[in-house]
């Protein structure tokens, strides 16, 4: 741990000896704060729920909606024991996420972008405007109509026709 190393370095610099008991206490404190406790699924300890049945952790969303339930809206029967985390598992849970595998997510993205590309190609092929059959041609490029007073201004004011076809 970084703070233990810094504490040892500062003790070496000052010449004081470090109490090994304080380093051990510091390590225990850091490990208890930095690493979360592991659990097997139930968040309550067995001392609190000695006589309560061990209810499996399942989302009510996955229960059969067509089954005969006493409370069909919540998919529960009368007298059925609740899980200790019932507020997280029932149908009214605000944070329900059904995860998708990476392969499935990539497949869906390829389908979406492929459909957008196909739609764009169809629009380009069928609806892209064609060139005019005969390019426009104006006498003197309409320079006099646009306000040119002489031949030099005529090149500046005149209409330039695209003949790059």
N, C-alpha and C. Protein backbone atom coordinates (compact mmCIF):
# COMPACT_ATOMS: atom_id res chain seq x y z
N UNK A 1 0.82 -1.17 0.00
CA UNK A 1 0.00 0.00 0.00
C UNK A 1 0.87 1.25 0.00
N UNK A 2 0.42 2.25 -0.68
CA UNK A 2 1.21 3.46 -0.87
C UNK A 2 1.46 4.19 0.45
N UNK A 3 0.44 4.32 1.28
CA UNK A 3 0.62 5.06 2.53
C UNK A 3 1.56 4.34 3.48
N UNK A 4 1.57 3.00 3.47
CA UNK A 4 2.51 2.25 4.30
C UNK A 4 3.93 2.50 3.83
N UNK A 5 4.14 2.47 2.51
CA UNK A 5 5.48 2.72 1.97
C UNK A 5 5.94 4.14 2.30
N UNK A 6 5.05 5.11 2.16
CA UNK A 6 5.42 6.48 2.50
C UNK A 6 5.75 6.63 3.97
N UNK A 7 5.00 5.94 4.82
CA UNK A 7 5.26 5.99 6.26
C UNK A 7 6.61 5.38 6.58
N UNK A 8 6.94 4.26 5.95
CA UNK A 8 8.25 3.62 6.18
C UNK A 8 9.38 4.50 5.67
N UNK A 9 9.22 5.12 4.52
CA UNK A 9 10.26 6.00 3.98
C UNK A 9 10.49 7.20 4.89
N UNK A 10 9.41 7.79 5.36
CA UNK A 10 9.57 8.95 6.24
C UNK A 10 10.25 8.55 7.54
N UNK A 11 9.98 7.33 8.03
CA UNK A 11 10.64 6.86 9.25
C UNK A 11 12.13 6.63 8.99
N UNK A 12 12.49 6.13 7.82
CA UNK A 12 13.90 5.91 7.49
C UNK A 12 14.63 7.23 7.33
N UNK A 13 13.99 8.22 6.76
CA UNK A 13 14.64 9.52 6.55
C UNK A 13 14.92 10.22 7.88
N UNK A 14 13.97 10.16 8.77
CA UNK A 14 14.14 10.86 10.05
C UNK A 14 15.02 10.08 11.01
N UNK A 15 15.24 8.81 10.76
CA UNK A 15 16.09 8.01 11.63
C UNK A 15 15.33 7.38 12.78
N UNK A 16 14.05 7.61 12.86
CA UNK A 16 13.26 6.99 13.92
C UNK A 16 12.86 5.59 13.51
N UNK A 17 12.71 4.73 14.47
CA UNK A 17 12.25 3.38 14.16
C UNK A 17 10.72 3.39 14.14
N UNK A 18 10.19 2.63 13.23
CA UNK A 18 8.74 2.59 13.08
C UNK A 18 8.18 1.45 13.91
N UNK A 19 7.11 1.70 14.60
CA UNK A 19 6.47 0.68 15.41
C UNK A 19 5.82 -0.35 14.48
N UNK A 20 6.22 -1.64 14.53
CA UNK A 20 5.62 -2.63 13.61
C UNK A 20 4.14 -2.84 13.87
N UNK A 21 3.69 -2.60 15.10
CA UNK A 21 2.28 -2.77 15.40
C UNK A 21 1.44 -1.72 14.68
N UNK A 22 1.94 -0.49 14.59
CA UNK A 22 1.18 0.54 13.90
C UNK A 22 1.11 0.26 12.40
N UNK A 23 2.18 -0.30 11.82
CA UNK A 23 2.15 -0.66 10.40
C UNK A 23 1.15 -1.77 10.14
N UNK A 24 1.08 -2.75 11.06
CA UNK A 24 0.13 -3.84 10.91
C UNK A 24 -1.31 -3.32 11.01
N UNK A 25 -1.54 -2.43 11.96
CA UNK A 25 -2.87 -1.84 12.10
C UNK A 25 -3.24 -1.03 10.87
N UNK A 26 -2.26 -0.31 10.33
CA UNK A 26 -2.51 0.48 9.13
C UNK A 26 -2.84 -0.41 7.95
N UNK A 27 -2.13 -1.54 7.82
CA UNK A 27 -2.42 -2.47 6.71
C UNK A 27 -3.82 -3.05 6.83
N UNK A 28 -4.21 -3.43 8.06
CA UNK A 28 -5.55 -3.98 8.25
C UNK A 28 -6.62 -2.95 7.90
N UNK A 29 -6.39 -1.72 8.33
CA UNK A 29 -7.35 -0.66 8.06
C UNK A 29 -7.47 -0.42 6.56
N UNK A 30 -6.35 -0.41 5.85
CA UNK A 30 -6.39 -0.18 4.41
C UNK A 30 -7.09 -1.32 3.69
N UNK A 31 -6.81 -2.56 4.10
CA UNK A 31 -7.44 -3.67 3.40
C UNK A 31 -8.94 -3.72 3.69
N UNK A 32 -9.35 -3.32 4.89
CA UNK A 32 -10.77 -3.36 5.18
C UNK A 32 -11.52 -2.25 4.46
N UNK A 33 -10.84 -1.15 4.16
CA UNK A 33 -11.49 -0.04 3.47
C UNK A 33 -11.45 -0.24 1.97
N UNK A 34 -10.32 -0.73 1.44
CA UNK A 34 -10.16 -0.77 -0.01
C UNK A 34 -10.78 -1.99 -0.66
N UNK A 35 -10.87 -3.12 0.02
CA UNK A 35 -11.43 -4.31 -0.59
C UNK A 35 -12.83 -4.56 -0.04
N UNK A 36 -13.82 -4.66 -0.91
CA UNK A 36 -15.18 -4.89 -0.42
C UNK A 36 -15.32 -6.32 0.07
N UNK A 37 -16.19 -6.55 1.02
CA UNK A 37 -16.40 -7.92 1.50
C UNK A 37 -17.08 -8.75 0.43
N UNK A 38 -16.70 -10.01 0.35
CA UNK A 38 -17.32 -10.91 -0.62
C UNK A 38 -18.50 -11.60 0.04
N UNK A 39 -19.54 -11.83 -0.73
CA UNK A 39 -20.71 -12.51 -0.20
C UNK A 39 -21.17 -13.55 -1.20
N UNK A 40 -21.97 -14.48 -0.72
CA UNK A 40 -22.43 -15.56 -1.58
C UNK A 40 -23.77 -15.24 -2.21
N UNK A 41 -24.24 -14.04 -2.11
CA UNK A 41 -25.53 -13.69 -2.71
C UNK A 41 -26.45 -13.04 -1.71
N UNK A 42 -26.56 -13.59 -0.51
CA UNK A 42 -27.39 -12.98 0.52
C UNK A 42 -26.60 -11.89 1.21
N UNK A 43 -27.22 -10.77 1.46
CA UNK A 43 -26.52 -9.66 2.08
C UNK A 43 -26.63 -9.67 3.59
N UNK A 44 -27.50 -10.49 4.14
CA UNK A 44 -27.65 -10.54 5.59
C UNK A 44 -26.87 -11.72 6.13
N UNK A 45 -26.43 -11.61 7.36
CA UNK A 45 -25.66 -12.69 7.97
C UNK A 45 -26.60 -13.79 8.44
N UNK A 46 -26.04 -14.96 8.72
CA UNK A 46 -26.87 -16.09 9.13
C UNK A 46 -27.38 -15.92 10.55
N UNK A 47 -26.69 -15.13 11.39
CA UNK A 47 -27.19 -14.93 12.76
C UNK A 47 -28.50 -14.15 12.75
N UNK A 48 -28.65 -13.25 11.80
CA UNK A 48 -29.87 -12.45 11.74
C UNK A 48 -31.05 -13.26 11.22
N UNK A 49 -30.79 -14.22 10.38
CA UNK A 49 -31.86 -14.97 9.71
C UNK A 49 -31.74 -16.46 9.97
N UNK A 50 -31.59 -16.86 11.25
CA UNK A 50 -31.42 -18.28 11.56
C UNK A 50 -32.64 -19.11 11.17
N UNK A 51 -33.83 -18.67 11.57
CA UNK A 51 -35.02 -19.46 11.33
C UNK A 51 -35.75 -19.08 10.04
N UNK A 52 -35.24 -18.10 9.31
CA UNK A 52 -35.88 -17.68 8.06
C UNK A 52 -35.40 -18.58 6.93
N UNK A 53 -36.29 -19.03 6.02
CA UNK A 53 -35.86 -19.92 4.94
C UNK A 53 -34.92 -19.21 3.96
N UNK A 54 -34.02 -19.98 3.37
CA UNK A 54 -33.06 -19.44 2.40
C UNK A 54 -33.76 -19.33 1.05
N UNK A 55 -34.20 -18.14 0.71
CA UNK A 55 -34.95 -17.90 -0.52
C UNK A 55 -33.95 -17.64 -1.65
N UNK A 56 -34.12 -18.31 -2.79
CA UNK A 56 -33.18 -18.07 -3.90
C UNK A 56 -33.31 -16.65 -4.45
N UNK A 57 -32.19 -16.12 -4.90
CA UNK A 57 -32.16 -14.76 -5.44
C UNK A 57 -32.55 -14.82 -6.92
N UNK A 58 -33.77 -14.44 -7.25
CA UNK A 58 -34.23 -14.41 -8.63
C UNK A 58 -35.06 -13.15 -8.85
N UNK A 59 -34.92 -12.57 -10.02
CA UNK A 59 -35.71 -11.40 -10.36
C UNK A 59 -37.15 -11.83 -10.66
N UNK A 60 -38.11 -11.11 -10.13
CA UNK A 60 -39.51 -11.43 -10.38
C UNK A 60 -39.86 -11.22 -11.84
N UNK A 61 -39.07 -10.45 -12.52
CA UNK A 61 -39.29 -10.20 -13.95
C UNK A 61 -39.21 -11.49 -14.74
N UNK A 62 -38.35 -12.42 -14.30
CA UNK A 62 -38.16 -13.68 -15.02
C UNK A 62 -39.20 -14.74 -14.66
N UNK A 63 -40.05 -14.47 -13.70
CA UNK A 63 -41.09 -15.44 -13.35
C UNK A 63 -42.15 -15.49 -14.45
N UNK A 64 -42.83 -16.61 -14.53
CA UNK A 64 -43.83 -16.82 -15.59
C UNK A 64 -45.02 -15.88 -15.38
N UNK A 65 -45.28 -14.98 -16.34
CA UNK A 65 -46.39 -14.04 -16.16
C UNK A 65 -47.76 -14.71 -16.31
N UNK A 66 -47.81 -15.87 -16.96
CA UNK A 66 -49.09 -16.54 -17.18
C UNK A 66 -49.43 -17.54 -16.09
N UNK A 67 -48.56 -17.72 -15.12
CA UNK A 67 -48.84 -18.66 -14.03
C UNK A 67 -49.95 -18.10 -13.14
N UNK A 68 -50.54 -18.97 -12.34
CA UNK A 68 -51.63 -18.58 -11.43
C UNK A 68 -51.01 -18.01 -10.16
N UNK A 69 -50.99 -16.68 -10.04
CA UNK A 69 -50.43 -16.00 -8.89
C UNK A 69 -51.57 -15.40 -8.07
N UNK A 70 -51.40 -15.37 -6.74
CA UNK A 70 -52.36 -14.67 -5.90
C UNK A 70 -52.29 -13.17 -6.15
N UNK A 71 -51.11 -12.67 -6.40
CA UNK A 71 -50.90 -11.26 -6.74
C UNK A 71 -50.23 -11.23 -8.12
N UNK A 72 -51.03 -11.26 -9.20
CA UNK A 72 -50.43 -11.35 -10.53
C UNK A 72 -49.60 -10.13 -10.92
N UNK A 73 -49.92 -8.98 -10.35
CA UNK A 73 -49.17 -7.78 -10.71
C UNK A 73 -47.72 -7.87 -10.21
N UNK A 74 -47.53 -8.44 -9.03
CA UNK A 74 -46.19 -8.58 -8.46
C UNK A 74 -45.60 -9.97 -8.65
N UNK A 75 -46.39 -10.89 -9.23
CA UNK A 75 -45.97 -12.28 -9.46
C UNK A 75 -45.54 -12.94 -8.14
N UNK A 76 -46.45 -12.90 -7.16
CA UNK A 76 -46.21 -13.48 -5.84
C UNK A 76 -47.45 -14.22 -5.40
N UNK A 77 -47.24 -15.23 -4.55
CA UNK A 77 -48.33 -15.94 -3.92
C UNK A 77 -48.42 -15.52 -2.46
N UNK A 78 -49.61 -15.65 -1.88
CA UNK A 78 -49.82 -15.29 -0.49
C UNK A 78 -49.00 -16.24 0.39
N UNK A 79 -48.28 -15.69 1.35
CA UNK A 79 -47.50 -16.50 2.28
C UNK A 79 -46.14 -16.90 1.76
N UNK A 80 -45.81 -16.53 0.57
CA UNK A 80 -44.49 -16.86 0.02
C UNK A 80 -43.43 -16.03 0.73
N UNK A 81 -42.35 -16.67 1.22
CA UNK A 81 -41.33 -15.89 1.93
C UNK A 81 -40.60 -14.95 0.98
N UNK A 82 -40.27 -13.79 1.50
CA UNK A 82 -39.59 -12.78 0.70
C UNK A 82 -38.08 -12.92 0.85
N UNK A 83 -37.38 -12.58 -0.18
CA UNK A 83 -35.92 -12.50 -0.11
C UNK A 83 -35.54 -11.25 0.68
N UNK A 84 -34.43 -11.27 1.41
CA UNK A 84 -34.04 -10.04 2.14
C UNK A 84 -33.85 -8.83 1.23
N UNK A 85 -33.51 -9.06 -0.03
CA UNK A 85 -33.37 -7.96 -0.99
C UNK A 85 -34.58 -7.86 -1.91
N UNK A 86 -35.76 -8.04 -1.34
CA UNK A 86 -36.97 -8.04 -2.16
C UNK A 86 -37.18 -6.72 -2.89
N UNK A 87 -36.79 -5.61 -2.28
CA UNK A 87 -36.99 -4.32 -2.94
C UNK A 87 -36.11 -4.17 -4.18
N UNK A 88 -35.04 -4.95 -4.28
CA UNK A 88 -34.19 -4.90 -5.47
C UNK A 88 -34.60 -5.93 -6.52
N UNK A 89 -35.36 -6.95 -6.10
CA UNK A 89 -35.69 -8.05 -7.00
C UNK A 89 -37.11 -8.00 -7.55
N UNK A 90 -38.00 -7.24 -6.93
CA UNK A 90 -39.39 -7.27 -7.38
C UNK A 90 -39.57 -6.47 -8.67
N UNK A 91 -40.79 -6.46 -9.17
CA UNK A 91 -41.06 -5.80 -10.45
C UNK A 91 -40.99 -4.29 -10.37
N UNK A 92 -41.03 -3.73 -9.17
CA UNK A 92 -41.00 -2.27 -9.02
C UNK A 92 -39.59 -1.75 -8.79
N UNK A 93 -38.61 -2.58 -8.98
CA UNK A 93 -37.22 -2.17 -8.78
C UNK A 93 -36.84 -1.10 -9.79
N UNK A 94 -36.28 0.02 -9.35
CA UNK A 94 -35.97 1.09 -10.30
C UNK A 94 -34.73 0.82 -11.14
N UNK A 95 -33.88 -0.10 -10.71
CA UNK A 95 -32.62 -0.34 -11.42
C UNK A 95 -32.57 -1.77 -11.92
N UNK A 96 -33.30 -2.07 -12.97
CA UNK A 96 -33.28 -3.39 -13.56
C UNK A 96 -32.57 -3.31 -14.89
N UNK A 97 -31.49 -4.05 -15.04
CA UNK A 97 -30.73 -4.05 -16.28
C UNK A 97 -30.57 -5.48 -16.76
N UNK A 98 -30.93 -5.71 -17.99
CA UNK A 98 -30.72 -7.01 -18.60
C UNK A 98 -29.52 -6.86 -19.53
N UNK A 99 -28.40 -7.43 -19.14
CA UNK A 99 -27.16 -7.22 -19.89
C UNK A 99 -27.15 -8.03 -21.17
N UNK A 100 -26.36 -7.57 -22.12
CA UNK A 100 -26.20 -8.22 -23.42
C UNK A 100 -24.73 -8.57 -23.58
N UNK A 101 -24.44 -9.72 -24.17
CA UNK A 101 -23.05 -10.11 -24.36
C UNK A 101 -22.39 -9.19 -25.39
N UNK A 102 -21.05 -9.17 -25.38
CA UNK A 102 -20.32 -8.31 -26.31
C UNK A 102 -20.56 -8.73 -27.75
N UNK A 103 -20.62 -10.03 -28.01
CA UNK A 103 -20.84 -10.50 -29.38
C UNK A 103 -22.21 -10.06 -29.89
N UNK A 104 -23.22 -10.14 -29.04
CA UNK A 104 -24.56 -9.72 -29.44
C UNK A 104 -24.61 -8.21 -29.67
N UNK A 105 -23.92 -7.44 -28.82
CA UNK A 105 -23.90 -5.98 -28.99
C UNK A 105 -23.22 -5.60 -30.30
N UNK A 106 -22.10 -6.26 -30.64
CA UNK A 106 -21.43 -5.98 -31.91
C UNK A 106 -22.31 -6.37 -33.10
N UNK A 107 -23.00 -7.50 -32.97
CA UNK A 107 -23.89 -7.93 -34.04
C UNK A 107 -25.00 -6.89 -34.27
N UNK A 108 -25.58 -6.38 -33.21
CA UNK A 108 -26.64 -5.38 -33.36
C UNK A 108 -26.10 -4.08 -33.95
N UNK A 109 -24.87 -3.69 -33.58
CA UNK A 109 -24.28 -2.48 -34.15
C UNK A 109 -24.00 -2.65 -35.63
N UNK A 110 -23.48 -3.82 -36.03
CA UNK A 110 -23.23 -4.06 -37.45
C UNK A 110 -24.54 -4.05 -38.25
N UNK A 111 -25.59 -4.61 -37.69
CA UNK A 111 -26.88 -4.59 -38.37
C UNK A 111 -27.37 -3.15 -38.53
N UNK A 112 -27.25 -2.34 -37.49
CA UNK A 112 -27.72 -0.95 -37.56
C UNK A 112 -26.93 -0.16 -38.59
N UNK A 113 -25.60 -0.20 -38.50
CA UNK A 113 -24.80 0.60 -39.43
C UNK A 113 -24.89 0.05 -40.86
N UNK A 114 -25.09 -1.25 -41.01
CA UNK A 114 -25.32 -1.81 -42.34
C UNK A 114 -26.63 -1.32 -42.93
N UNK A 115 -27.67 -1.24 -42.11
CA UNK A 115 -28.96 -0.74 -42.59
C UNK A 115 -28.86 0.74 -42.96
N UNK A 116 -28.14 1.53 -42.16
CA UNK A 116 -27.96 2.95 -42.49
C UNK A 116 -27.17 3.08 -43.79
N UNK A 117 -26.12 2.27 -43.97
CA UNK A 117 -25.34 2.31 -45.21
C UNK A 117 -26.15 1.88 -46.42
N UNK A 118 -26.96 0.82 -46.28
CA UNK A 118 -27.80 0.37 -47.39
C UNK A 118 -28.84 1.43 -47.76
N UNK A 119 -29.45 2.05 -46.75
CA UNK A 119 -30.42 3.11 -47.01
C UNK A 119 -29.76 4.29 -47.72
N UNK A 120 -28.55 4.66 -47.29
CA UNK A 120 -27.84 5.77 -47.93
C UNK A 120 -27.48 5.44 -49.37
N UNK A 121 -27.06 4.20 -49.62
CA UNK A 121 -26.71 3.79 -50.98
C UNK A 121 -27.94 3.81 -51.90
N UNK A 122 -29.06 3.36 -51.39
CA UNK A 122 -30.30 3.38 -52.19
C UNK A 122 -30.71 4.82 -52.50
N UNK A 123 -30.64 5.70 -51.50
CA UNK A 123 -30.98 7.10 -51.74
C UNK A 123 -30.03 7.73 -52.75
N UNK A 124 -28.75 7.43 -52.67
CA UNK A 124 -27.78 7.99 -53.61
C UNK A 124 -28.02 7.46 -55.02
N UNK A 125 -28.31 6.17 -55.13
CA UNK A 125 -28.48 5.57 -56.45
C UNK A 125 -29.75 6.06 -57.15
N UNK A 126 -30.86 6.11 -56.42
CA UNK A 126 -32.13 6.43 -57.06
C UNK A 126 -32.46 7.93 -57.09
N UNK A 127 -31.99 8.70 -56.13
CA UNK A 127 -32.44 10.07 -56.02
C UNK A 127 -31.35 11.11 -56.21
N UNK A 128 -30.15 10.75 -56.61
CA UNK A 128 -29.10 11.74 -56.82
C UNK A 128 -29.42 12.51 -58.10
N UNK A 129 -29.41 13.83 -58.06
CA UNK A 129 -29.81 14.60 -59.25
C UNK A 129 -28.80 14.44 -60.39
N UNK A 130 -29.34 14.31 -61.60
CA UNK A 130 -28.49 14.18 -62.78
C UNK A 130 -28.15 15.56 -63.32
N UNK A 131 -27.13 15.61 -64.16
CA UNK A 131 -26.77 16.86 -64.82
C UNK A 131 -27.81 17.21 -65.88
N UNK A 132 -27.87 18.47 -66.19
CA UNK A 132 -28.75 18.89 -67.27
C UNK A 132 -28.26 18.31 -68.59
N UNK A 133 -29.19 18.09 -69.50
CA UNK A 133 -28.81 17.53 -70.81
C UNK A 133 -27.95 18.52 -71.59
N UNK A 134 -28.29 19.79 -71.54
CA UNK A 134 -27.54 20.83 -72.25
C UNK A 134 -27.13 21.86 -71.21
N UNK A 135 -25.83 22.19 -71.10
CA UNK A 135 -25.43 23.20 -70.12
C UNK A 135 -25.97 24.57 -70.50
N UNK A 136 -26.18 25.40 -69.52
CA UNK A 136 -26.71 26.74 -69.76
C UNK A 136 -25.66 27.59 -70.48
N UNK A 137 -26.16 28.44 -71.33
CA UNK A 137 -25.27 29.33 -72.06
C UNK A 137 -25.93 30.70 -72.13
N UNK A 138 -25.20 31.74 -71.67
CA UNK A 138 -25.72 33.09 -71.65
C UNK A 138 -24.87 33.96 -72.58
N UNK A 139 -25.49 34.88 -73.29
CA UNK A 139 -24.70 35.78 -74.13
C UNK A 139 -23.84 36.69 -73.26
N UNK A 140 -22.54 36.65 -73.50
CA UNK A 140 -21.56 37.41 -72.72
C UNK A 140 -21.61 37.09 -71.23
N UNK A 141 -22.18 35.95 -70.87
CA UNK A 141 -22.24 35.55 -69.46
C UNK A 141 -23.07 36.47 -68.61
N UNK A 142 -23.98 37.25 -69.22
CA UNK A 142 -24.84 38.21 -68.53
C UNK A 142 -24.03 39.24 -67.74
N UNK A 143 -22.83 39.54 -68.22
CA UNK A 143 -21.97 40.47 -67.49
C UNK A 143 -22.57 41.87 -67.45
N UNK A 144 -23.14 42.31 -68.57
CA UNK A 144 -23.71 43.65 -68.62
C UNK A 144 -24.95 43.74 -67.70
N UNK A 145 -25.72 42.65 -67.62
CA UNK A 145 -26.90 42.65 -66.75
C UNK A 145 -26.53 42.65 -65.27
N UNK A 146 -25.36 42.11 -64.93
CA UNK A 146 -24.91 42.08 -63.54
C UNK A 146 -24.14 43.34 -63.14
N UNK A 147 -23.97 44.28 -64.07
CA UNK A 147 -23.38 45.57 -63.71
C UNK A 147 -21.98 45.81 -64.20
N UNK A 148 -21.49 45.03 -65.16
CA UNK A 148 -20.14 45.26 -65.68
C UNK A 148 -20.17 46.46 -66.63
N UNK A 149 -19.16 47.38 -66.51
CA UNK A 149 -19.12 48.57 -67.34
C UNK A 149 -18.22 48.39 -68.56
N UNK A 150 -17.23 47.50 -68.47
CA UNK A 150 -16.33 47.29 -69.60
C UNK A 150 -15.95 45.81 -69.68
N UNK A 151 -15.03 45.50 -70.60
CA UNK A 151 -14.63 44.10 -70.84
C UNK A 151 -13.89 43.50 -69.64
N UNK A 152 -13.08 44.31 -68.95
CA UNK A 152 -12.33 43.80 -67.79
C UNK A 152 -13.28 43.41 -66.65
N UNK A 153 -14.28 44.22 -66.40
CA UNK A 153 -15.26 43.88 -65.37
C UNK A 153 -16.17 42.77 -65.84
N UNK A 154 -16.28 42.56 -67.13
CA UNK A 154 -17.12 41.48 -67.67
C UNK A 154 -16.62 40.11 -67.24
N UNK A 155 -15.28 39.95 -67.18
CA UNK A 155 -14.73 38.67 -66.70
C UNK A 155 -15.03 38.45 -65.22
N UNK A 156 -15.10 39.55 -64.48
CA UNK A 156 -15.35 39.45 -63.04
C UNK A 156 -16.83 39.21 -62.75
N UNK A 157 -17.71 39.91 -63.45
CA UNK A 157 -19.14 39.84 -63.17
C UNK A 157 -19.86 38.73 -63.93
N UNK A 158 -19.29 38.21 -64.96
CA UNK A 158 -19.99 37.25 -65.82
C UNK A 158 -20.21 35.90 -65.16
N UNK A 159 -21.20 35.18 -65.65
CA UNK A 159 -21.52 33.85 -65.15
C UNK A 159 -20.53 32.86 -65.75
N UNK A 160 -19.93 32.06 -64.89
CA UNK A 160 -19.00 31.03 -65.36
C UNK A 160 -19.76 29.71 -65.46
N UNK A 161 -19.71 29.11 -66.60
CA UNK A 161 -20.44 27.87 -66.84
C UNK A 161 -19.49 26.70 -66.64
N UNK A 162 -19.94 25.69 -65.91
CA UNK A 162 -19.12 24.51 -65.65
C UNK A 162 -19.13 23.62 -66.89
N UNK A 163 -17.98 23.49 -67.53
CA UNK A 163 -17.88 22.65 -68.72
C UNK A 163 -16.97 21.45 -68.45
N UNK A 164 -16.95 20.97 -67.23
CA UNK A 164 -16.05 19.87 -66.86
C UNK A 164 -16.70 18.50 -67.05
N UNK A 165 -17.85 18.46 -67.64
CA UNK A 165 -18.52 17.18 -67.83
C UNK A 165 -17.84 16.47 -68.93
